[in-house]
Amino acid sequence: MKITKRQLRRIIKEEKSKLLNEQAIDADSIIAQGRAFFDRLIELSMASEDDPAAQTALDQIDAALSDDVAERSYGYIKLKILS
């Protein structure tokens, strides 16, 4: 079966659109997860003054993060400065 140039262009355009939409959904999901993570960190840091369990949770998160997080994440650096 032969396809015309017009059909090929339409197919490529549709596939490109699908890929771009999938990437946008993935990026939105990653951003939402990051926001939720930092919101939880902020909640824990606010509660850590009065709640030893919150401080313990913060310490566990800090220990679990890789050493190069400070180099790659402005938000993490900002939280470390504020705490």
N, C-alpha and C. Protein backbone atom coordinates (compact mmCIF):
# COMPACT_ATOMS: atom_id res chain seq x y z
N MET A 1 0.84 -1.18 0.00
CA MET A 1 0.00 0.00 0.00
C MET A 1 0.88 1.24 0.00
N LYS A 2 0.62 2.10 -0.92
CA LYS A 2 1.37 3.35 -0.99
C LYS A 2 0.61 4.43 -0.25
N ILE A 3 1.39 5.37 0.32
CA ILE A 3 0.75 6.53 0.93
C ILE A 3 1.31 7.78 0.27
N THR A 4 0.48 8.78 0.24
CA THR A 4 0.89 10.02 -0.39
C THR A 4 1.71 10.85 0.59
N LYS A 5 2.38 11.85 0.06
CA LYS A 5 3.14 12.76 0.91
C LYS A 5 2.22 13.44 1.92
N ARG A 6 1.05 13.82 1.46
CA ARG A 6 0.07 14.47 2.33
C ARG A 6 -0.32 13.55 3.49
N GLN A 7 -0.58 12.28 3.18
CA GLN A 7 -0.95 11.32 4.23
C GLN A 7 0.21 11.13 5.22
N LEU A 8 1.42 11.03 4.68
CA LEU A 8 2.59 10.85 5.52
C LEU A 8 2.78 12.05 6.45
N ARG A 9 2.61 13.26 5.90
CA ARG A 9 2.72 14.46 6.74
C ARG A 9 1.67 14.47 7.85
N ARG A 10 0.43 14.07 7.50
CA ARG A 10 -0.64 14.03 8.49
C ARG A 10 -0.32 13.01 9.59
N ILE A 11 0.17 11.85 9.21
CA ILE A 11 0.53 10.81 10.18
C ILE A 11 1.63 11.30 11.11
N ILE A 12 2.65 11.90 10.54
CA ILE A 12 3.76 12.42 11.34
C ILE A 12 3.27 13.51 12.29
N LYS A 13 2.42 14.38 11.79
CA LYS A 13 1.87 15.46 12.62
C LYS A 13 1.06 14.89 13.79
N GLU A 14 0.24 13.88 13.53
CA GLU A 14 -0.57 13.25 14.59
C GLU A 14 0.32 12.58 15.63
N GLU A 15 1.32 11.85 15.19
CA GLU A 15 2.22 11.16 16.11
C GLU A 15 3.02 12.16 16.95
N LYS A 16 3.48 13.22 16.31
CA LYS A 16 4.21 14.25 17.03
C LYS A 16 3.33 14.88 18.10
N SER A 17 2.09 15.15 17.75
CA SER A 17 1.14 15.73 18.70
C SER A 17 0.91 14.80 19.89
N LYS A 18 0.76 13.51 19.61
CA LYS A 18 0.57 12.53 20.69
C LYS A 18 1.77 12.53 21.64
N LEU A 19 2.97 12.51 21.08
CA LEU A 19 4.18 12.50 21.90
C LEU A 19 4.29 13.75 22.76
N LEU A 20 4.02 14.90 22.18
CA LEU A 20 4.10 16.16 22.93
C LEU A 20 3.08 16.19 24.05
N ASN A 21 1.87 15.69 23.80
CA ASN A 21 0.85 15.64 24.84
C ASN A 21 1.25 14.72 25.98
N GLU A 22 1.84 13.56 25.66
CA GLU A 22 2.30 12.63 26.68
C GLU A 22 3.40 13.26 27.53
N GLN A 23 4.32 13.97 26.90
CA GLN A 23 5.40 14.61 27.63
C GLN A 23 4.87 15.69 28.55
N ALA A 24 3.88 16.44 28.09
CA ALA A 24 3.30 17.50 28.92
C ALA A 24 2.63 16.90 30.15
N ILE A 25 1.93 15.79 29.99
CA ILE A 25 1.27 15.13 31.12
C ILE A 25 2.32 14.62 32.10
N ASP A 26 3.39 14.02 31.60
CA ASP A 26 4.46 13.53 32.46
C ASP A 26 5.10 14.67 33.24
N ALA A 27 5.36 15.78 32.57
CA ALA A 27 5.98 16.93 33.23
C ALA A 27 5.06 17.50 34.30
N ASP A 28 3.77 17.59 34.01
CA ASP A 28 2.81 18.08 35.00
C ASP A 28 2.78 17.18 36.23
N SER A 29 2.84 15.88 36.00
CA SER A 29 2.83 14.92 37.10
C SER A 29 4.08 15.06 37.96
N ILE A 30 5.21 15.21 37.32
CA ILE A 30 6.48 15.37 38.05
C ILE A 30 6.47 16.66 38.87
N ILE A 31 5.97 17.73 38.26
CA ILE A 31 5.90 19.01 38.97
C ILE A 31 4.97 18.90 40.17
N ALA A 32 3.82 18.25 40.00
CA ALA A 32 2.87 18.08 41.10
C ALA A 32 3.48 17.26 42.23
N GLN A 33 4.22 16.23 41.90
CA GLN A 33 4.87 15.41 42.92
C GLN A 33 5.93 16.21 43.66
N GLY A 34 6.69 17.02 42.94
CA GLY A 34 7.71 17.86 43.57
C GLY A 34 7.09 18.88 44.50
N ARG A 35 6.00 19.49 44.06
CA ARG A 35 5.31 20.47 44.92
C ARG A 35 4.79 19.80 46.19
N ALA A 36 4.19 18.63 46.03
CA ALA A 36 3.67 17.91 47.20
C ALA A 36 4.80 17.56 48.16
N PHE A 37 5.93 17.14 47.62
CA PHE A 37 7.09 16.80 48.45
C PHE A 37 7.57 18.02 49.25
N PHE A 38 7.74 19.14 48.57
CA PHE A 38 8.23 20.33 49.26
C PHE A 38 7.18 20.91 50.21
N ASP A 39 5.90 20.78 49.87
CA ASP A 39 4.86 21.20 50.82
C ASP A 39 4.95 20.38 52.10
N ARG A 40 5.16 19.08 51.94
CA ARG A 40 5.30 18.21 53.13
C ARG A 40 6.54 18.57 53.92
N LEU A 41 7.63 18.88 53.24
CA LEU A 41 8.85 19.30 53.95
C LEU A 41 8.61 20.57 54.75
N ILE A 42 7.90 21.50 54.16
CA ILE A 42 7.61 22.75 54.86
C ILE A 42 6.73 22.49 56.08
N GLU A 43 5.71 21.63 55.92
CA GLU A 43 4.86 21.27 57.06
C GLU A 43 5.69 20.64 58.18
N LEU A 44 6.56 19.73 57.80
CA LEU A 44 7.40 19.06 58.81
C LEU A 44 8.34 20.04 59.48
N SER A 45 8.91 20.96 58.71
CA SER A 45 9.85 21.90 59.32
C SER A 45 9.13 22.84 60.28
N MET A 46 7.89 23.22 59.95
CA MET A 46 7.13 24.07 60.86
C MET A 46 6.76 23.33 62.14
N ALA A 47 6.44 22.04 62.02
CA ALA A 47 6.03 21.24 63.16
C ALA A 47 7.22 20.74 63.97
N SER A 48 8.41 20.77 63.40
CA SER A 48 9.57 20.14 64.04
C SER A 48 9.98 20.82 65.34
N GLU A 49 9.63 22.09 65.50
CA GLU A 49 9.99 22.78 66.73
C GLU A 49 9.25 22.21 67.93
N ASP A 50 8.00 21.78 67.72
CA ASP A 50 7.18 21.27 68.81
C ASP A 50 7.03 19.76 68.81
N ASP A 51 7.32 19.12 67.69
CA ASP A 51 7.05 17.70 67.55
C ASP A 51 8.33 16.94 67.19
N PRO A 52 8.85 16.15 68.14
CA PRO A 52 10.08 15.39 67.86
C PRO A 52 9.91 14.40 66.70
N ALA A 53 8.71 13.88 66.50
CA ALA A 53 8.47 12.94 65.39
C ALA A 53 8.65 13.64 64.05
N ALA A 54 8.22 14.90 63.98
CA ALA A 54 8.39 15.67 62.74
C ALA A 54 9.88 15.91 62.47
N GLN A 55 10.64 16.20 63.52
CA GLN A 55 12.08 16.39 63.35
C GLN A 55 12.75 15.10 62.90
N THR A 56 12.31 13.99 63.46
CA THR A 56 12.85 12.69 63.06
C THR A 56 12.55 12.43 61.58
N ALA A 57 11.33 12.75 61.15
CA ALA A 57 10.97 12.55 59.74
C ALA A 57 11.83 13.42 58.83
N LEU A 58 12.08 14.66 59.24
CA LEU A 58 12.96 15.55 58.46
C LEU A 58 14.37 14.99 58.38
N ASP A 59 14.86 14.48 59.49
CA ASP A 59 16.21 13.90 59.50
C ASP A 59 16.30 12.69 58.57
N GLN A 60 15.23 11.88 58.54
CA GLN A 60 15.22 10.71 57.66
C GLN A 60 15.20 11.13 56.19
N ILE A 61 14.41 12.15 55.89
CA ILE A 61 14.37 12.65 54.50
C ILE A 61 15.73 13.19 54.10
N ASP A 62 16.34 13.96 54.99
CA ASP A 62 17.65 14.54 54.71
C ASP A 62 18.68 13.45 54.46
N ALA A 63 18.64 12.38 55.27
CA ALA A 63 19.60 11.28 55.11
C ALA A 63 19.35 10.50 53.81
N ALA A 64 18.09 10.44 53.38
CA ALA A 64 17.76 9.66 52.18
C ALA A 64 18.12 10.38 50.89
N LEU A 65 18.18 11.71 50.94
CA LEU A 65 18.50 12.46 49.73
C LEU A 65 19.98 12.28 49.38
N SER A 66 20.25 12.21 48.12
CA SER A 66 21.63 12.03 47.69
C SER A 66 22.45 13.29 47.97
N ASP A 67 23.75 13.12 48.03
CA ASP A 67 24.65 14.22 48.36
C ASP A 67 24.63 15.34 47.33
N ASP A 68 24.31 15.02 46.10
CA ASP A 68 24.35 16.05 45.07
C ASP A 68 23.03 16.80 44.91
N VAL A 69 22.06 16.55 45.80
CA VAL A 69 20.78 17.26 45.73
C VAL A 69 20.98 18.76 45.89
N ALA A 70 21.85 19.14 46.79
CA ALA A 70 22.10 20.57 47.03
C ALA A 70 22.60 21.26 45.76
N GLU A 71 23.35 20.55 44.96
CA GLU A 71 23.87 21.13 43.73
C GLU A 71 22.80 21.22 42.65
N ARG A 72 21.82 20.32 42.69
CA ARG A 72 20.82 20.25 41.63
C ARG A 72 19.50 20.91 41.97
N SER A 73 19.27 21.29 43.22
CA SER A 73 17.94 21.75 43.61
C SER A 73 17.99 23.05 44.40
N TYR A 74 17.56 24.12 43.78
CA TYR A 74 17.52 25.42 44.45
C TYR A 74 16.56 25.38 45.63
N GLY A 75 15.41 24.70 45.49
CA GLY A 75 14.43 24.62 46.56
C GLY A 75 15.00 23.97 47.81
N TYR A 76 15.78 22.92 47.62
CA TYR A 76 16.37 22.22 48.75
C TYR A 76 17.38 23.11 49.45
N ILE A 77 18.17 23.83 48.67
CA ILE A 77 19.14 24.75 49.25
C ILE A 77 18.41 25.83 50.05
N LYS A 78 17.35 26.35 49.48
CA LYS A 78 16.59 27.39 50.16
C LYS A 78 16.03 26.88 51.48
N LEU A 79 15.50 25.65 51.48
CA LEU A 79 14.98 25.07 52.73
C LEU A 79 16.08 24.87 53.75
N LYS A 80 17.26 24.45 53.30
CA LYS A 80 18.37 24.26 54.23
C LYS A 80 18.79 25.58 54.85
N ILE A 81 18.76 26.65 54.08
CA ILE A 81 19.14 27.97 54.60
C ILE A 81 18.12 28.45 55.62
N LEU A 82 16.83 28.19 55.34
CA LEU A 82 15.77 28.66 56.23
C LEU A 82 15.72 27.87 57.53
N SER A 83 16.20 26.63 57.52
CA SER A 83 16.10 25.83 58.73
C SER A 83 17.27 26.03 59.67
